[in-house]
């Protein structure tokens, strides 16, 4: 028997870096979504204040297997 997966988009932000933004987003998504099987980083963006990077943001496509 096969399986069916769904994809949802989420946005996550971190002041530490892109990797932390991805980790934060997936950890939060896993509180609501079960059976997450992977994610694709669709977009990356930095926030800049007075010439300095102040935050990192990612848009993720999160794949999860339906029950």
Protein backbone atom coordinates (compact mmCIF):
# COMPACT_ATOMS: atom_id res chain seq x y z
CA UNK A 1 0.00 0.00 0.00
CA UNK A 2 1.32 3.46 -0.88
CA UNK A 3 1.27 6.65 1.09
CA UNK A 4 0.01 10.17 0.49
CA UNK A 5 1.82 13.30 1.62
CA UNK A 6 0.76 16.93 1.90
CA UNK A 7 2.87 20.08 1.70
CA UNK A 8 2.42 23.27 3.68
CA UNK A 9 4.32 26.56 3.62
CA UNK A 10 5.71 28.12 6.79
CA UNK A 11 7.89 31.12 7.51
CA UNK A 12 10.40 31.15 10.35
CA UNK A 13 12.80 33.77 11.70
CA UNK A 14 15.94 33.71 13.83
CA UNK A 15 18.49 36.23 15.00
CA UNK A 16 21.20 33.50 14.97
CA UNK A 17 21.24 32.30 11.36
CA UNK A 18 19.48 30.49 8.54
CA UNK A 19 20.12 27.05 10.02
CA UNK A 20 18.56 28.13 13.30
CA UNK A 21 15.55 29.58 11.46
CA UNK A 22 15.02 26.24 9.67
CA UNK A 23 15.38 24.30 12.93
CA UNK A 24 13.00 26.67 14.76
CA UNK A 25 10.41 26.42 11.99
CA UNK A 26 10.50 22.64 11.84
CA UNK A 27 10.41 22.22 15.61
CA UNK A 28 7.35 24.49 15.80
CA UNK A 29 5.67 22.76 12.83
CA UNK A 30 6.17 19.37 14.48
CA UNK A 31 4.02 20.53 17.42
CA UNK A 32 1.03 20.67 15.05
CA UNK A 33 1.91 18.39 12.13
CA UNK A 34 2.64 14.69 12.53
CA UNK A 35 4.84 12.55 10.31
CA UNK A 36 7.00 15.34 8.87
CA UNK A 37 9.26 13.67 6.33
CA UNK A 38 11.25 16.62 4.99
CA UNK A 39 11.38 20.28 4.08
CA UNK A 40 12.58 22.40 1.22
CA UNK A 41 14.03 25.86 1.89
CA UNK A 42 12.15 27.84 -0.73
CA UNK A 43 13.34 31.36 0.18
CA UNK A 44 15.96 32.99 2.36
CA UNK A 45 15.98 36.62 3.42
CA UNK A 46 17.96 38.77 5.84
CA UNK A 47 16.81 41.82 7.75
CA UNK A 48 19.30 44.68 7.82
CA UNK A 49 19.40 47.64 10.19
CA UNK A 50 22.01 50.36 9.69
CA UNK A 51 24.08 48.10 7.46
CA UNK A 52 24.11 45.14 9.87
CA UNK A 53 22.24 41.85 9.51
CA UNK A 54 19.80 41.65 12.41
CA UNK A 55 17.70 38.57 11.54
CA UNK A 56 17.44 35.64 9.15
CA UNK A 57 14.16 34.45 7.67
CA UNK A 58 13.26 31.34 5.68
CA UNK A 59 10.18 30.15 3.87
CA UNK A 60 9.86 26.38 4.04
CA UNK A 61 7.75 23.85 2.17
CA UNK A 62 7.18 21.16 4.78
CA UNK A 63 6.15 17.68 3.63
CA UNK A 64 4.19 15.42 5.95
CA UNK A 65 2.64 11.98 5.40
CA UNK A 66 -1.12 11.79 5.89
CA UNK A 67 -2.50 9.18 8.25
